[in-house]
Structure formats: C-alpha cells, structure tokens
Amino acid sequence: MNPVTENEIRSSFVNCSRGEARRLAVPRGLPELPWPDLDFLGWRDPGAPERAYLVAERGGAPVGVALRLGQEVRRSFTKSTLCSVCVTPHAGTGVALFTAPRVGAAGRQGNTVGAYMCADLACSLYVRGRKETELGVRFESLSVAERVARTTVNLDAFLDKILDDTLA
C-alpha cells in the first residue's frame, strides 16, 4: 500500500458522513508504519473500542470504510477461529465480527455487511509472517505472494459488498 496522509484518510471514507470522517481518530505515527507490508490500513478507535476503520487502495485511490465491532461473543480458548480476509487462525478472541454500513440508499436504510476479521486488523502482517498469533507459527503450503493475493481478493470481495448501493 502506498503511504497516505491524515487528510487523504479522512477524505477517503465512503460509508459515513464528512463530519464523522473529520472526527474519527486517525492512527498516530502514519509516516513510521510499515507501508510496503500493508495491503490495507486497519485500526481500532482507542476512544471508542467498538469502532474500527479500514482504508485500502482501489483503482489507485484510497477508499475508507467505517466498521463496528459486533457484540462480544464468548469463545473457547481451546478452539481456533479463522479470519475471513487473511485466513489466519486465532485462538479465543483473536477474530471479531466487524460490520460496515453499505454506501448510498442501502446504507441509509440500515443495510450492513459483516466479516470475521483479525481483531487487531493486522491481516497484512500475519500473512507476511511479521506478526504471530497466539497459536504460534502457521503451517500453510501457499507462498507469501499467494497468501497476499488471497488476502487482496478476500478484502476486495468484502469492499465490493460495502460499495454495492442497490437495495435488492
């Protein structure tokens, strides 16, 4: 992902008002982020833990979506769950349901799209082995490039659903 500025982040949001985009908490230290290792920028709002944000490149421009964390579900620490974007296994609460209002008329009517994603939204780092889950090293026969491609396809499918403003 190409580095983005705070202004580019705020102006990229498609499923919230301009006022909401102006007030959201942007991650600190944007210049120091590992941009070459990021497929998207995802973060949780430290002041409102039920809110999260995701900015990805689509068509050469950043597209931001506001997310809400689904209700906390008690999960067993002996069972693992998979992120639907990067397919990384996590123990316990390492995966969370994030929902996003759809754009346009569909979103104004309350239609949302959800996905189970890494709770810290660090999919890009897990795929590249830059961060480990509670379960330790992952064993997968795909190369890093193939895992990155799969993550991109899965993220694009999630974003396509959010960007679909039809009411059907």
C-alpha atoms as a PDB file:
ATOM      1  CA  MET A   1       0.000   0.000   0.000  1.00  0.00           C
ATOM      2  CA  ASN A   2       1.202   3.499  -0.750  1.00  0.00           C
ATOM      3  CA  PRO A   3       1.556   5.808   2.265  1.00  0.00           C
ATOM      4  CA  VAL A   4      -1.468   8.020   2.921  1.00  0.00           C
ATOM      5  CA  THR A   5      -1.778  11.246   4.883  1.00  0.00           C
ATOM      6  CA  GLU A   6      -4.330  12.114   7.521  1.00  0.00           C
ATOM      7  CA  ASN A   7      -6.221  14.311   5.030  1.00  0.00           C
ATOM      8  CA  GLU A   8      -6.268  11.526   2.432  1.00  0.00           C
ATOM      9  CA  ILE A   9      -7.582   9.104   5.064  1.00  0.00           C
ATOM     10  CA  ARG A  10     -10.353  11.451   6.185  1.00  0.00           C
ATOM     11  CA  SER A  11     -11.473  12.225   2.622  1.00  0.00           C
ATOM     12  CA  SER A  12     -11.466   8.534   1.593  1.00  0.00           C
ATOM     13  CA  PHE A  13     -14.437   7.368   3.693  1.00  0.00           C
ATOM     14  CA  VAL A  14     -17.429   6.242   1.657  1.00  0.00           C
ATOM     15  CA  ASN A  15     -19.874   4.909   4.246  1.00  0.00           C
ATOM     16  CA  CYS A  16     -20.005   7.692   6.832  1.00  0.00           C
ATOM     17  CA  SER A  17     -20.695  11.416   6.824  1.00  0.00           C
ATOM     18  CA  ARG A  18     -17.989  14.012   6.299  1.00  0.00           C
ATOM     19  CA  GLY A  19     -18.471  15.119   9.899  1.00  0.00           C
ATOM     20  CA  GLU A  20     -17.899  11.592  11.174  1.00  0.00           C
ATOM     21  CA  ALA A  21     -14.791  11.309   8.991  1.00  0.00           C
ATOM     22  CA  ARG A  22     -13.454  14.605  10.397  1.00  0.00           C
ATOM     23  CA  ARG A  23     -13.960  13.413  13.990  1.00  0.00           C
ATOM     24  CA  LEU A  24     -12.572   9.876  13.723  1.00  0.00           C
ATOM     25  CA  ALA A  25      -9.299   9.026  15.436  1.00  0.00           C
ATOM     26  CA  VAL A  26      -6.554   8.548  12.851  1.00  0.00           C
ATOM     27  CA  PRO A  27      -3.655   6.272  13.859  1.00  0.00           C
ATOM     28  CA  ARG A  28      -0.614   8.064  15.221  1.00  0.00           C
ATOM     29  CA  GLY A  29       2.750   7.748  13.563  1.00  0.00           C
ATOM     30  CA  LEU A  30       1.495   7.356   9.991  1.00  0.00           C
ATOM     31  CA  PRO A  31       4.957   8.002   8.455  1.00  0.00           C
ATOM     32  CA  GLU A  32       6.502   5.201  10.566  1.00  0.00           C
ATOM     33  CA  LEU A  33       4.017   2.497   9.550  1.00  0.00           C
ATOM     34  CA  PRO A  34       5.398  -0.448   7.524  1.00  0.00           C
ATOM     35  CA  TRP A  35       3.663   0.713   4.312  1.00  0.00           C
ATOM     36  CA  PRO A  36       5.346  -1.800   1.962  1.00  0.00           C
ATOM     37  CA  ASP A  37       3.989  -4.630   4.147  1.00  0.00           C
ATOM     38  CA  LEU A  38       0.406  -3.306   4.295  1.00  0.00           C
ATOM     39  CA  ASP A  39      -2.357  -4.409   1.951  1.00  0.00           C
ATOM     40  CA  PHE A  40      -4.697  -2.085   3.835  1.00  0.00           C
ATOM     41  CA  LEU A  41      -4.562   0.194   6.842  1.00  0.00           C
ATOM     42  CA  GLY A  42      -6.851  -1.012   9.607  1.00  0.00           C
ATOM     43  CA  TRP A  43      -7.193   0.269  13.158  1.00  0.00           C
ATOM     44  CA  ARG A  44      -9.478   0.296  16.171  1.00  0.00           C
ATOM     45  CA  ASP A  45     -10.517   3.606  17.721  1.00  0.00           C
ATOM     46  CA  PRO A  46      -8.789   3.836  21.135  1.00  0.00           C
ATOM     47  CA  GLY A  47     -11.519   6.181  22.432  1.00  0.00           C
ATOM     48  CA  ALA A  48     -14.391   4.000  21.221  1.00  0.00           C
ATOM     49  CA  PRO A  49     -13.335   0.329  21.170  1.00  0.00           C
ATOM     50  CA  GLU A  50     -16.492  -0.736  19.289  1.00  0.00           C
ATOM     51  CA  ARG A  51     -15.404   1.350  16.284  1.00  0.00           C
ATOM     52  CA  ALA A  52     -12.794   0.445  13.698  1.00  0.00           C
ATOM     53  CA  TYR A  53     -11.670   1.785  10.349  1.00  0.00           C
ATOM     54  CA  LEU A  54     -10.146   0.351   7.220  1.00  0.00           C
ATOM     55  CA  VAL A  55      -8.505   2.157   4.298  1.00  0.00           C
ATOM     56  CA  ALA A  56      -7.499   0.235   1.174  1.00  0.00           C
ATOM     57  CA  GLU A  57      -6.382   1.185  -2.304  1.00  0.00           C
ATOM     58  CA  ARG A  58      -8.936   0.654  -5.062  1.00  0.00           C
ATOM     59  CA  GLY A  59      -8.322   1.947  -8.537  1.00  0.00           C
ATOM     60  CA  GLY A  60      -5.199   3.758  -7.376  1.00  0.00           C
ATOM     61  CA  ALA A  61      -7.040   5.820  -4.749  1.00  0.00           C
ATOM     62  CA  PRO A  62      -7.660   5.187  -1.040  1.00  0.00           C
ATOM     63  CA  VAL A  63     -11.147   4.011  -0.059  1.00  0.00           C
ATOM     64  CA  GLY A  64     -12.046   4.117   3.626  1.00  0.00           C
ATOM     65  CA  VAL A  65     -14.847   2.313   5.417  1.00  0.00           C
ATOM     66  CA  ALA A  66     -16.112   2.740   8.948  1.00  0.00           C
ATOM     67  CA  LEU A  67     -16.643  -0.519  10.810  1.00  0.00           C
ATOM     68  CA  ARG A  68     -18.415  -1.503  14.004  1.00  0.00           C
ATOM     69  CA  LEU A  69     -17.334  -4.340  16.209  1.00  0.00           C
ATOM     70  CA  GLY A  70     -20.030  -6.961  16.630  1.00  0.00           C
ATOM     71  CA  GLN A  71     -21.247  -7.894  20.062  1.00  0.00           C
ATOM     72  CA  GLU A  72     -18.618  -9.717  22.092  1.00  0.00           C
ATOM     73  CA  VAL A  73     -19.039 -13.470  21.837  1.00  0.00           C
ATOM     74  CA  ARG A  74     -17.503 -15.778  24.393  1.00  0.00           C
ATOM     75  CA  ARG A  75     -15.162 -18.157  22.657  1.00  0.00           C
ATOM     76  CA  SER A  76     -13.265 -21.096  23.971  1.00  0.00           C
ATOM     77  CA  PHE A  77      -9.516 -20.699  24.247  1.00  0.00           C
ATOM     78  CA  THR A  78      -9.155 -24.304  23.112  1.00  0.00           C
ATOM     79  CA  LYS A  79     -10.803 -23.661  19.737  1.00  0.00           C
ATOM     80  CA  SER A  80      -9.439 -21.529  16.946  1.00  0.00           C
ATOM     81  CA  THR A  81     -11.230 -19.241  14.521  1.00  0.00           C
ATOM     82  CA  LEU A  82     -10.185 -18.047  11.065  1.00  0.00           C
ATOM     83  CA  CYS A  83     -10.084 -14.522   9.717  1.00  0.00           C
ATOM     84  CA  SER A  84     -12.203 -14.406   6.551  1.00  0.00           C
ATOM     85  CA  VAL A  85      -9.777 -11.955   4.913  1.00  0.00           C
ATOM     86  CA  CYS A  86      -6.307 -13.390   5.530  1.00  0.00           C
ATOM     87  CA  VAL A  87      -7.340 -16.898   6.672  1.00  0.00           C
ATOM     88  CA  THR A  88      -5.111 -16.659   9.740  1.00  0.00           C
ATOM     89  CA  PRO A  89      -6.137 -18.922  12.649  1.00  0.00           C
ATOM     90  CA  HIS A  90      -6.524 -17.275  16.058  1.00  0.00           C
ATOM     91  CA  ALA A  91      -7.333 -18.602  19.494  1.00  0.00           C
ATOM     92  CA  GLY A  92     -10.117 -17.174  21.640  1.00  0.00           C
ATOM     93  CA  THR A  93     -10.966 -13.582  20.792  1.00  0.00           C
ATOM     94  CA  GLY A  94      -8.330 -13.086  18.077  1.00  0.00           C
ATOM     95  CA  VAL A  95     -11.059 -12.880  15.429  1.00  0.00           C
ATOM     96  CA  ALA A  96     -14.009 -10.493  15.694  1.00  0.00           C
ATOM     97  CA  LEU A  97     -17.103  -9.730  13.659  1.00  0.00           C
ATOM     98  CA  PHE A  98     -16.849  -6.323  12.012  1.00  0.00           C
ATOM     99  CA  THR A  99     -19.895  -4.815  10.329  1.00  0.00           C
ATOM    100  CA  ALA A 100     -19.992  -1.884   7.926  1.00  0.00           C
ATOM    101  CA  PRO A 101     -22.929   0.129   6.631  1.00  0.00           C
ATOM    102  CA  ARG A 102     -23.316  -0.144   2.873  1.00  0.00           C
ATOM    103  CA  VAL A 103     -22.994   3.033   0.814  1.00  0.00           C
ATOM    104  CA  GLY A 104     -25.896   5.020  -0.615  1.00  0.00           C
ATOM    105  CA  ALA A 105     -29.575   4.276  -0.175  1.00  0.00           C
ATOM    106  CA  ALA A 106     -28.915   0.747   1.091  1.00  0.00           C
ATOM    107  CA  GLY A 107     -26.761   2.068   3.931  1.00  0.00           C
ATOM    108  CA  ARG A 108     -29.259   4.812   4.810  1.00  0.00           C
ATOM    109  CA  GLN A 109     -31.869   2.078   5.223  1.00  0.00           C
ATOM    110  CA  GLY A 110     -29.618   0.309   7.713  1.00  0.00           C
ATOM    111  CA  ASN A 111     -28.204  -2.437   5.492  1.00  0.00           C
ATOM    112  CA  THR A 112     -24.820  -3.646   6.661  1.00  0.00           C
ATOM    113  CA  VAL A 113     -22.199  -6.160   5.596  1.00  0.00           C
ATOM    114  CA  GLY A 114     -20.118  -8.170   8.041  1.00  0.00           C
ATOM    115  CA  ALA A 115     -16.910 -10.159   8.051  1.00  0.00           C
ATOM    116  CA  TYR A 116     -14.955 -12.057  10.664  1.00  0.00           C
ATOM    117  CA  MET A 117     -11.518 -10.438  10.650  1.00  0.00           C
ATOM    118  CA  CYS A 118      -8.403 -10.348  12.802  1.00  0.00           C
ATOM    119  CA  ALA A 119      -9.477  -8.374  15.868  1.00  0.00           C
ATOM    120  CA  ASP A 120      -6.428  -6.094  15.583  1.00  0.00           C
ATOM    121  CA  LEU A 121      -6.885  -5.680  11.794  1.00  0.00           C
ATOM    122  CA  ALA A 122      -3.246  -6.660  11.236  1.00  0.00           C
ATOM    123  CA  CYS A 123      -4.010  -9.178   8.477  1.00  0.00           C
ATOM    124  CA  SER A 124      -1.184  -7.904   6.270  1.00  0.00           C
ATOM    125  CA  LEU A 125       1.398  -8.521   8.982  1.00  0.00           C
ATOM    126  CA  TYR A 126       0.125 -12.026   9.782  1.00  0.00           C
ATOM    127  CA  VAL A 127       0.177 -13.022   6.099  1.00  0.00           C
ATOM    128  CA  ARG A 128       3.787 -11.891   5.744  1.00  0.00           C
ATOM    129  CA  GLY A 129       4.946 -13.501   8.992  1.00  0.00           C
ATOM    130  CA  ARG A 130       5.729 -10.110  10.566  1.00  0.00           C
ATOM    131  CA  LYS A 131       3.353 -10.851  13.432  1.00  0.00           C
ATOM    132  CA  GLU A 132       2.415 -14.126  15.128  1.00  0.00           C
ATOM    133  CA  THR A 133      -0.908 -15.158  16.614  1.00  0.00           C
ATOM    134  CA  GLU A 134      -1.403 -16.757  19.989  1.00  0.00           C
ATOM    135  CA  LEU A 135      -1.272 -20.105  18.193  1.00  0.00           C
ATOM    136  CA  GLY A 136       2.300 -19.516  17.037  1.00  0.00           C
ATOM    137  CA  VAL A 137       3.705 -20.263  13.611  1.00  0.00           C
ATOM    138  CA  ARG A 138       1.209 -21.050  10.873  1.00  0.00           C
ATOM    139  CA  PHE A 139       1.700 -24.014   8.616  1.00  0.00           C
ATOM    140  CA  GLU A 140       0.449 -23.399   5.119  1.00  0.00           C
ATOM    141  CA  SER A 141       1.702 -24.589   1.748  1.00  0.00           C
ATOM    142  CA  LEU A 142       0.991 -21.278  -0.028  1.00  0.00           C
ATOM    143  CA  SER A 143       3.848 -18.872  -0.609  1.00  0.00           C
ATOM    144  CA  VAL A 144       3.765 -15.389   0.905  1.00  0.00           C
ATOM    145  CA  ALA A 145       2.874 -13.931  -2.509  1.00  0.00           C
ATOM    146  CA  GLU A 146      -0.047 -16.362  -2.845  1.00  0.00           C
ATOM    147  CA  ARG A 147      -1.279 -15.540   0.678  1.00  0.00           C
ATOM    148  CA  VAL A 148      -1.060 -11.810  -0.104  1.00  0.00           C
ATOM    149  CA  ALA A 149      -3.031 -12.352  -3.330  1.00  0.00           C
ATOM    150  CA  ARG A 150      -5.693 -14.347  -1.457  1.00  0.00           C
ATOM    151  CA  THR A 151      -5.950 -11.622   1.183  1.00  0.00           C
ATOM    152  CA  THR A 152      -6.382  -8.968  -1.503  1.00  0.00           C
ATOM    153  CA  VAL A 153      -9.126 -10.956  -3.250  1.00  0.00           C
ATOM    154  CA  ASN A 154     -10.983 -11.558   0.029  1.00  0.00           C
ATOM    155  CA  LEU A 155     -10.701  -7.903   1.064  1.00  0.00           C
ATOM    156  CA  ASP A 156     -11.901  -6.744  -2.366  1.00  0.00           C
ATOM    157  CA  ALA A 157     -14.939  -9.036  -2.092  1.00  0.00           C
ATOM    158  CA  PHE A 158     -15.800  -7.517   1.313  1.00  0.00           C
ATOM    159  CA  LEU A 159     -15.356  -3.975  -0.027  1.00  0.00           C
ATOM    160  CA  ASP A 160     -17.454  -4.794  -3.124  1.00  0.00           C
ATOM    161  CA  LYS A 161     -20.361  -5.704  -0.837  1.00  0.00           C
ATOM    162  CA  ILE A 162     -20.000  -2.441   1.098  1.00  0.00           C
ATOM    163  CA  LEU A 163     -19.788  -0.383  -2.107  1.00  0.00           C
ATOM    164  CA  ASP A 164     -22.898  -2.029  -3.592  1.00  0.00           C
ATOM    165  CA  ASP A 165     -25.641   0.552  -3.048  1.00  0.00           C
ATOM    166  CA  THR A 166     -28.503  -1.449  -4.555  1.00  0.00           C
ATOM    167  CA  LEU A 167     -31.451  -2.157  -2.317  1.00  0.00           C
ATOM    168  CA  ALA A 168     -32.027  -5.702  -3.598  1.00  0.00           C
END
